[in-house]
N, C-alpha and C. Protein backbone atom coordinates (compact mmCIF):
# COMPACT_ATOMS: atom_id res chain seq x y z
N UNK A 1 0.83 -1.19 0.00
CA UNK A 1 0.00 0.00 0.00
C UNK A 1 0.88 1.25 0.00
N UNK A 2 0.55 2.16 -0.87
CA UNK A 2 1.30 3.41 -0.96
C UNK A 2 0.78 4.42 0.06
N UNK A 3 1.72 5.14 0.69
CA UNK A 3 1.32 6.25 1.57
C UNK A 3 1.01 7.43 0.66
N UNK A 4 -0.19 7.95 0.80
CA UNK A 4 -0.66 9.04 -0.06
C UNK A 4 -1.16 10.19 0.80
N UNK A 5 -1.25 11.33 0.16
CA UNK A 5 -1.91 12.52 0.73
C UNK A 5 -3.09 12.85 -0.16
N UNK A 6 -4.15 13.35 0.47
CA UNK A 6 -5.31 13.77 -0.28
C UNK A 6 -5.97 14.97 0.38
N UNK A 7 -6.63 15.76 -0.44
CA UNK A 7 -7.38 16.91 0.07
C UNK A 7 -8.81 16.49 0.34
N UNK A 8 -9.35 16.93 1.46
CA UNK A 8 -10.76 16.76 1.78
C UNK A 8 -11.31 18.13 2.16
N UNK A 9 -12.47 18.46 1.62
CA UNK A 9 -13.17 19.68 2.02
C UNK A 9 -14.50 19.30 2.64
N UNK A 10 -14.78 19.85 3.81
CA UNK A 10 -16.15 19.85 4.32
C UNK A 10 -16.75 21.09 3.70
N UNK A 11 -17.65 20.88 2.76
CA UNK A 11 -18.17 21.98 1.95
C UNK A 11 -19.11 22.89 2.77
N UNK A 12 -19.51 24.02 2.20
CA UNK A 12 -20.34 24.97 2.94
C UNK A 12 -21.57 24.36 3.61
N UNK A 13 -22.22 23.41 2.97
CA UNK A 13 -23.41 22.81 3.59
C UNK A 13 -23.04 22.02 4.83
N UNK A 14 -21.90 21.34 4.83
CA UNK A 14 -21.46 20.60 6.00
C UNK A 14 -21.11 21.52 7.16
N UNK A 15 -20.46 22.65 6.86
CA UNK A 15 -20.13 23.63 7.90
C UNK A 15 -21.41 24.26 8.44
N UNK A 16 -22.30 24.69 7.56
CA UNK A 16 -23.55 25.33 7.99
C UNK A 16 -24.45 24.39 8.79
N UNK A 17 -24.40 23.11 8.49
CA UNK A 17 -25.23 22.14 9.22
C UNK A 17 -24.56 21.63 10.50
N UNK A 18 -23.36 22.11 10.79
CA UNK A 18 -22.66 21.71 12.01
C UNK A 18 -22.16 20.28 11.97
N UNK A 19 -21.79 19.79 10.78
CA UNK A 19 -21.36 18.41 10.62
C UNK A 19 -19.84 18.25 10.45
N UNK A 20 -19.10 19.34 10.52
CA UNK A 20 -17.66 19.27 10.28
C UNK A 20 -16.98 18.30 11.24
N UNK A 21 -17.31 18.36 12.51
CA UNK A 21 -16.70 17.47 13.49
C UNK A 21 -16.97 16.00 13.20
N UNK A 22 -18.20 15.69 12.84
CA UNK A 22 -18.54 14.31 12.53
C UNK A 22 -17.79 13.83 11.29
N UNK A 23 -17.70 14.67 10.29
CA UNK A 23 -17.00 14.30 9.06
C UNK A 23 -15.52 14.05 9.36
N UNK A 24 -14.90 14.95 10.09
CA UNK A 24 -13.49 14.79 10.45
C UNK A 24 -13.31 13.50 11.25
N UNK A 25 -14.18 13.25 12.19
CA UNK A 25 -14.10 12.07 13.03
C UNK A 25 -14.18 10.78 12.22
N UNK A 26 -15.04 10.75 11.22
CA UNK A 26 -15.16 9.54 10.39
C UNK A 26 -13.85 9.23 9.68
N UNK A 27 -13.17 10.25 9.22
CA UNK A 27 -11.88 10.02 8.56
C UNK A 27 -10.81 9.62 9.57
N UNK A 28 -10.77 10.28 10.70
CA UNK A 28 -9.75 9.96 11.71
C UNK A 28 -9.90 8.54 12.23
N UNK A 29 -11.14 8.07 12.38
CA UNK A 29 -11.36 6.72 12.92
C UNK A 29 -10.80 5.63 12.01
N UNK A 30 -10.59 5.92 10.73
CA UNK A 30 -10.02 4.91 9.84
C UNK A 30 -8.54 4.70 10.13
N UNK A 31 -7.91 5.67 10.77
CA UNK A 31 -6.47 5.61 11.00
C UNK A 31 -5.70 6.56 10.10
N UNK A 32 -6.39 7.23 9.18
CA UNK A 32 -5.69 8.24 8.37
C UNK A 32 -5.18 9.34 9.29
N UNK A 33 -4.03 9.89 8.96
CA UNK A 33 -3.39 10.92 9.77
C UNK A 33 -3.73 12.29 9.21
N UNK A 34 -4.21 13.17 10.06
CA UNK A 34 -4.51 14.55 9.70
C UNK A 34 -3.20 15.33 9.70
N UNK A 35 -2.81 15.89 8.54
CA UNK A 35 -1.54 16.61 8.46
C UNK A 35 -1.72 18.11 8.25
N UNK A 36 -2.95 18.53 7.96
CA UNK A 36 -3.26 19.95 7.81
C UNK A 36 -4.75 20.15 7.91
N UNK A 37 -5.16 21.24 8.57
CA UNK A 37 -6.59 21.54 8.68
C UNK A 37 -6.77 23.03 8.92
N UNK A 38 -7.79 23.59 8.28
CA UNK A 38 -8.12 25.00 8.53
C UNK A 38 -9.54 25.30 8.08
N UNK A 39 -10.16 26.24 8.79
CA UNK A 39 -11.44 26.80 8.40
C UNK A 39 -11.12 28.00 7.52
N UNK A 40 -11.72 28.05 6.35
CA UNK A 40 -11.38 29.13 5.44
C UNK A 40 -12.56 29.50 4.55
N UNK A 41 -12.52 30.72 4.07
CA UNK A 41 -13.47 31.18 3.06
C UNK A 41 -12.78 31.03 1.70
N UNK A 42 -13.38 30.26 0.80
CA UNK A 42 -12.80 30.05 -0.52
C UNK A 42 -13.05 31.29 -1.37
N UNK A 43 -11.98 31.86 -1.91
CA UNK A 43 -12.10 33.04 -2.77
C UNK A 43 -12.58 32.63 -4.16
N UNK A 44 -13.04 33.60 -4.91
CA UNK A 44 -13.44 33.37 -6.30
C UNK A 44 -12.27 32.80 -7.10
N UNK A 45 -11.09 33.37 -6.90
CA UNK A 45 -9.90 32.92 -7.62
C UNK A 45 -9.57 31.46 -7.30
N UNK A 46 -9.57 31.11 -6.02
CA UNK A 46 -9.28 29.73 -5.63
C UNK A 46 -10.34 28.79 -6.17
N UNK A 47 -11.59 29.20 -6.11
CA UNK A 47 -12.68 28.36 -6.63
C UNK A 47 -12.51 28.08 -8.12
N UNK A 48 -12.18 29.10 -8.89
CA UNK A 48 -12.02 28.89 -10.33
C UNK A 48 -10.82 27.99 -10.64
N UNK A 49 -9.75 28.09 -9.84
CA UNK A 49 -8.60 27.20 -10.05
C UNK A 49 -8.93 25.77 -9.63
N UNK A 50 -9.64 25.65 -8.52
CA UNK A 50 -10.01 24.32 -8.01
C UNK A 50 -10.92 23.58 -8.99
N UNK A 51 -11.89 24.27 -9.55
CA UNK A 51 -12.87 23.65 -10.45
C UNK A 51 -12.58 23.92 -11.93
N UNK A 52 -11.35 24.22 -12.27
CA UNK A 52 -10.98 24.58 -13.65
C UNK A 52 -11.41 23.54 -14.67
N UNK A 53 -11.35 22.27 -14.32
CA UNK A 53 -11.72 21.20 -15.27
C UNK A 53 -13.20 21.24 -15.66
N UNK A 54 -14.01 21.92 -14.87
CA UNK A 54 -15.45 22.00 -15.16
C UNK A 54 -15.86 23.30 -15.85
N UNK A 55 -14.88 24.19 -16.08
CA UNK A 55 -15.18 25.47 -16.72
C UNK A 55 -15.86 25.21 -18.07
N UNK A 56 -16.96 25.92 -18.32
CA UNK A 56 -17.69 25.77 -19.57
C UNK A 56 -18.85 24.80 -19.47
N UNK A 57 -18.90 23.99 -18.43
CA UNK A 57 -20.02 23.06 -18.25
C UNK A 57 -21.20 23.80 -17.64
N UNK A 58 -22.41 23.34 -17.91
CA UNK A 58 -23.60 24.06 -17.43
C UNK A 58 -23.65 24.24 -15.91
N UNK A 59 -23.10 23.33 -15.15
CA UNK A 59 -23.17 23.40 -13.69
C UNK A 59 -22.03 24.19 -13.07
N UNK A 60 -21.06 24.64 -13.87
CA UNK A 60 -19.88 25.33 -13.36
C UNK A 60 -20.21 26.58 -12.53
N UNK A 61 -21.07 27.48 -13.03
CA UNK A 61 -21.36 28.68 -12.22
C UNK A 61 -21.94 28.33 -10.84
N UNK A 62 -22.76 27.30 -10.79
CA UNK A 62 -23.32 26.87 -9.51
C UNK A 62 -22.26 26.33 -8.56
N UNK A 63 -21.29 25.61 -9.09
CA UNK A 63 -20.18 25.11 -8.26
C UNK A 63 -19.42 26.26 -7.62
N UNK A 64 -19.09 27.24 -8.44
CA UNK A 64 -18.32 28.40 -7.95
C UNK A 64 -19.13 29.16 -6.91
N UNK A 65 -20.38 29.41 -7.22
CA UNK A 65 -21.25 30.14 -6.29
C UNK A 65 -21.37 29.41 -4.95
N UNK A 66 -21.55 28.11 -5.01
CA UNK A 66 -21.74 27.33 -3.79
C UNK A 66 -20.48 27.27 -2.94
N UNK A 67 -19.34 26.95 -3.53
CA UNK A 67 -18.11 26.75 -2.74
C UNK A 67 -17.63 28.06 -2.12
N UNK A 68 -18.04 29.20 -2.68
CA UNK A 68 -17.65 30.50 -2.13
C UNK A 68 -18.73 31.09 -1.22
N UNK A 69 -19.82 30.39 -1.02
CA UNK A 69 -20.98 30.94 -0.29
C UNK A 69 -20.82 30.96 1.22
N UNK A 70 -19.94 30.18 1.77
CA UNK A 70 -19.78 30.04 3.21
C UNK A 70 -18.44 29.37 3.46
N UNK A 71 -17.92 29.41 4.67
CA UNK A 71 -16.63 28.77 4.94
C UNK A 71 -16.65 27.27 4.67
N UNK A 72 -15.45 26.74 4.43
CA UNK A 72 -15.23 25.30 4.32
C UNK A 72 -14.17 24.91 5.34
N UNK A 73 -14.14 23.64 5.68
CA UNK A 73 -13.01 23.10 6.44
C UNK A 73 -12.17 22.34 5.43
N UNK A 74 -10.95 22.79 5.24
CA UNK A 74 -10.02 22.14 4.32
C UNK A 74 -9.05 21.33 5.15
N UNK A 75 -8.80 20.09 4.71
CA UNK A 75 -7.85 19.26 5.43
C UNK A 75 -7.07 18.37 4.48
N UNK A 76 -5.90 17.99 4.93
CA UNK A 76 -5.07 17.04 4.21
C UNK A 76 -4.97 15.80 5.09
N UNK A 77 -5.30 14.66 4.51
CA UNK A 77 -5.20 13.38 5.19
C UNK A 77 -4.13 12.56 4.52
N UNK A 78 -3.44 11.75 5.31
CA UNK A 78 -2.31 10.98 4.81
C UNK A 78 -2.38 9.57 5.37
N UNK A 79 -2.01 8.62 4.55
CA UNK A 79 -1.96 7.23 4.99
C UNK A 79 -1.93 6.29 3.82
N UNK A 80 -1.91 4.99 4.11
CA UNK A 80 -1.91 4.00 3.03
C UNK A 80 -3.19 4.12 2.20
N UNK A 81 -3.02 4.24 0.90
CA UNK A 81 -4.17 4.35 -0.02
C UNK A 81 -5.20 5.38 0.45
N UNK A 82 -4.71 6.54 0.91
CA UNK A 82 -5.59 7.56 1.47
C UNK A 82 -6.66 8.02 0.49
N UNK A 83 -6.32 8.15 -0.78
CA UNK A 83 -7.30 8.64 -1.77
C UNK A 83 -8.46 7.68 -1.88
N UNK A 84 -8.18 6.42 -2.05
CA UNK A 84 -9.23 5.40 -2.18
C UNK A 84 -10.04 5.30 -0.89
N UNK A 85 -9.36 5.34 0.25
CA UNK A 85 -10.04 5.25 1.54
C UNK A 85 -10.99 6.42 1.74
N UNK A 86 -10.53 7.63 1.45
CA UNK A 86 -11.38 8.81 1.59
C UNK A 86 -12.60 8.72 0.69
N UNK A 87 -12.42 8.31 -0.54
CA UNK A 87 -13.54 8.23 -1.49
C UNK A 87 -14.56 7.17 -1.05
N UNK A 88 -14.07 6.10 -0.46
CA UNK A 88 -14.97 5.06 0.04
C UNK A 88 -15.79 5.58 1.22
N UNK A 89 -15.15 6.29 2.13
CA UNK A 89 -15.84 6.84 3.30
C UNK A 89 -16.85 7.91 2.90
N UNK A 90 -16.51 8.71 1.88
CA UNK A 90 -17.44 9.75 1.42
C UNK A 90 -18.69 9.14 0.82
N UNK A 91 -18.54 8.07 0.04
CA UNK A 91 -19.65 7.52 -0.73
C UNK A 91 -19.72 8.20 -2.08
N UNK A 92 -20.49 7.62 -2.99
CA UNK A 92 -20.59 8.17 -4.33
C UNK A 92 -21.23 9.55 -4.31
N UNK A 93 -21.03 10.30 -5.39
CA UNK A 93 -21.44 11.70 -5.47
C UNK A 93 -22.93 11.91 -5.22
N UNK A 94 -23.76 11.04 -5.77
CA UNK A 94 -25.21 11.16 -5.59
C UNK A 94 -25.61 10.48 -4.28
N UNK A 95 -26.02 11.26 -3.28
CA UNK A 95 -26.35 10.67 -1.98
C UNK A 95 -27.38 9.54 -2.05
N UNK A 96 -28.35 9.63 -2.95
CA UNK A 96 -29.37 8.58 -3.05
C UNK A 96 -28.77 7.24 -3.48
N UNK A 97 -27.59 7.28 -4.08
CA UNK A 97 -26.92 6.05 -4.52
C UNK A 97 -25.77 5.66 -3.59
N UNK A 98 -25.49 6.49 -2.59
CA UNK A 98 -24.39 6.22 -1.68
C UNK A 98 -24.79 5.16 -0.66
N UNK A 99 -23.87 4.28 -0.34
CA UNK A 99 -24.13 3.19 0.59
C UNK A 99 -24.36 3.71 2.00
N UNK A 100 -25.23 3.04 2.75
CA UNK A 100 -25.35 3.36 4.17
C UNK A 100 -23.99 3.19 4.84
N UNK A 101 -23.71 4.05 5.81
CA UNK A 101 -22.42 4.01 6.47
C UNK A 101 -21.42 4.99 5.90
N UNK A 102 -21.69 5.50 4.67
CA UNK A 102 -20.83 6.53 4.11
C UNK A 102 -21.35 7.89 4.55
N UNK A 103 -20.50 8.90 4.43
CA UNK A 103 -20.91 10.25 4.83
C UNK A 103 -22.12 10.69 4.02
N UNK A 104 -22.04 10.56 2.71
CA UNK A 104 -23.14 11.00 1.86
C UNK A 104 -24.37 10.11 2.02
N UNK A 105 -24.16 8.82 2.20
CA UNK A 105 -25.29 7.91 2.38
C UNK A 105 -26.04 8.15 3.67
N UNK A 106 -25.34 8.57 4.70
CA UNK A 106 -25.96 8.80 6.00
C UNK A 106 -26.46 10.22 6.22
N UNK A 107 -25.80 11.21 5.61
CA UNK A 107 -26.02 12.59 6.01
C UNK A 107 -26.50 13.53 4.91
N UNK A 108 -26.59 13.05 3.67
CA UNK A 108 -26.96 13.95 2.57
C UNK A 108 -28.10 13.36 1.76
N UNK A 109 -28.84 14.24 1.08
CA UNK A 109 -29.95 13.78 0.21
C UNK A 109 -29.90 14.40 -1.18
N UNK A 110 -29.08 15.44 -1.38
CA UNK A 110 -29.07 16.17 -2.64
C UNK A 110 -27.65 16.21 -3.21
N UNK A 111 -27.50 15.91 -4.50
CA UNK A 111 -26.18 15.89 -5.11
C UNK A 111 -25.48 17.25 -5.01
N UNK A 112 -26.22 18.33 -5.10
CA UNK A 112 -25.64 19.66 -5.01
C UNK A 112 -25.27 20.07 -3.59
N UNK A 113 -25.70 19.29 -2.63
CA UNK A 113 -25.40 19.54 -1.22
C UNK A 113 -24.95 18.22 -0.60
N UNK A 114 -23.81 17.71 -1.10
CA UNK A 114 -23.36 16.38 -0.68
C UNK A 114 -22.21 16.41 0.33
N UNK A 115 -22.03 17.55 0.98
CA UNK A 115 -21.22 17.72 2.18
C UNK A 115 -19.70 17.73 2.04
N UNK A 116 -19.14 16.87 1.19
CA UNK A 116 -17.68 16.72 1.18
C UNK A 116 -17.12 16.65 -0.23
N UNK A 117 -15.86 17.02 -0.33
CA UNK A 117 -15.09 16.84 -1.56
C UNK A 117 -13.83 16.08 -1.18
N UNK A 118 -13.44 15.15 -2.02
CA UNK A 118 -12.17 14.46 -1.85
C UNK A 118 -11.50 14.32 -3.21
N UNK A 119 -10.20 14.42 -3.23
CA UNK A 119 -9.45 14.30 -4.49
C UNK A 119 -9.77 12.97 -5.17
N UNK A 120 -9.88 13.01 -6.49
CA UNK A 120 -10.27 11.82 -7.27
C UNK A 120 -9.11 10.87 -7.53
N UNK A 121 -7.89 11.39 -7.62
CA UNK A 121 -6.74 10.56 -7.96
C UNK A 121 -5.47 11.26 -7.48
N UNK A 122 -4.34 10.61 -7.67
CA UNK A 122 -3.06 11.15 -7.16
C UNK A 122 -2.69 12.49 -7.79
N UNK A 123 -2.92 12.64 -9.09
CA UNK A 123 -2.60 13.91 -9.74
C UNK A 123 -3.47 15.03 -9.19
N UNK A 124 -4.78 14.77 -9.07
CA UNK A 124 -5.69 15.78 -8.50
C UNK A 124 -5.31 16.09 -7.06
N UNK A 125 -4.96 15.07 -6.30
CA UNK A 125 -4.60 15.29 -4.89
C UNK A 125 -3.40 16.22 -4.78
N UNK A 126 -2.37 15.98 -5.56
CA UNK A 126 -1.17 16.83 -5.50
C UNK A 126 -1.52 18.27 -5.88
N UNK A 127 -2.31 18.44 -6.93
CA UNK A 127 -2.70 19.78 -7.38
C UNK A 127 -3.56 20.46 -6.32
N UNK A 128 -4.56 19.76 -5.80
CA UNK A 128 -5.51 20.36 -4.85
C UNK A 128 -4.86 20.67 -3.51
N UNK A 129 -4.02 19.79 -3.01
CA UNK A 129 -3.32 20.08 -1.76
C UNK A 129 -2.51 21.36 -1.93
N UNK A 130 -1.84 21.50 -3.08
CA UNK A 130 -1.06 22.70 -3.36
C UNK A 130 -1.89 23.96 -3.49
N UNK A 131 -3.13 23.83 -3.92
CA UNK A 131 -4.01 24.99 -4.01
C UNK A 131 -4.45 25.49 -2.64
N UNK A 132 -4.71 24.56 -1.73
CA UNK A 132 -5.31 24.92 -0.44
C UNK A 132 -4.31 25.06 0.71
N UNK A 133 -3.11 24.49 0.55
CA UNK A 133 -2.13 24.51 1.64
C UNK A 133 -0.74 24.82 1.11
N UNK A 134 0.03 25.56 1.91
CA UNK A 134 1.45 25.72 1.64
C UNK A 134 2.18 24.58 2.37
N UNK A 135 3.41 24.31 1.99
CA UNK A 135 4.19 23.26 2.66
C UNK A 135 4.31 23.53 4.15
N UNK A 136 4.44 24.80 4.52
CA UNK A 136 4.62 25.13 5.94
C UNK A 136 3.36 24.91 6.77
N UNK A 137 2.21 24.75 6.12
CA UNK A 137 0.97 24.49 6.84
C UNK A 137 0.73 22.99 7.07
N UNK A 138 1.56 22.16 6.50
CA UNK A 138 1.41 20.71 6.65
C UNK A 138 2.43 20.19 7.66
N UNK A 139 1.97 19.38 8.58
CA UNK A 139 2.79 18.90 9.67
C UNK A 139 3.11 17.42 9.46
N UNK A 140 4.37 17.08 9.56
CA UNK A 140 4.79 15.68 9.46
C UNK A 140 5.06 15.17 10.88
N UNK A 141 4.44 14.06 11.21
CA UNK A 141 4.62 13.48 12.53
C UNK A 141 4.23 12.01 12.48
N UNK A 142 4.61 11.29 13.51
CA UNK A 142 4.24 9.89 13.64
C UNK A 142 3.45 9.73 14.93
N UNK A 143 2.36 8.99 14.86
CA UNK A 143 1.56 8.73 16.06
C UNK A 143 2.04 7.45 16.74
N UNK A 144 1.90 7.41 18.03
CA UNK A 144 2.37 6.25 18.79
C UNK A 144 1.55 4.99 18.52
N UNK A 145 0.37 5.12 17.94
CA UNK A 145 -0.48 3.95 17.70
C UNK A 145 -0.42 3.44 16.26
N UNK A 146 0.47 3.95 15.44
CA UNK A 146 0.48 3.58 14.02
C UNK A 146 0.74 2.10 13.78
N UNK A 147 1.48 1.44 14.66
CA UNK A 147 1.70 0.01 14.54
C UNK A 147 0.43 -0.80 14.74
N UNK A 148 -0.55 -0.19 15.39
CA UNK A 148 -1.84 -0.83 15.60
C UNK A 148 -2.80 -0.54 14.44
N UNK A 149 -2.42 0.37 13.57
CA UNK A 149 -3.26 0.75 12.44
C UNK A 149 -2.74 0.11 11.14
N UNK A 150 -1.43 0.16 10.95
CA UNK A 150 -0.80 -0.35 9.73
C UNK A 150 0.26 -1.37 10.13
N UNK A 151 0.15 -2.56 9.60
CA UNK A 151 1.12 -3.60 9.87
C UNK A 151 2.51 -3.17 9.42
N UNK A 152 3.47 -3.32 10.28
CA UNK A 152 4.85 -2.98 9.94
C UNK A 152 5.20 -1.52 10.14
N UNK A 153 4.26 -0.71 10.62
CA UNK A 153 4.53 0.73 10.80
C UNK A 153 5.37 0.98 12.03
């Protein structure tokens, strides 16, 4: 298993609904290590860079409007296969199709208000982490319980 980093956002609906703590807790309980976290207001510029791949699509203006509408909690999680693990915990994009036990399956009902964003792949993760965090905002450390989470750690 590769040690990876990935970006996770608790989107404006998650912050406004008071679910940020629960979302963070679900990721931490897997054993993923939190290496960066902050509450922030996403600027128009950051939003357009983050969602650049969707520019020109009919839903693009709504994405930009929504992500800039209220604060988000941005975090970087690290661990073995972190990208795949985060995406599994989030559940599929459409909450009605998300499995019970996932964040979206348990806590969301509308695709436009699906609470969380997680990087889709390693290239996206590297780009997105760089958009939301500087190197100095990310902390490298080892937890005393890692041998109980990952064999051989």
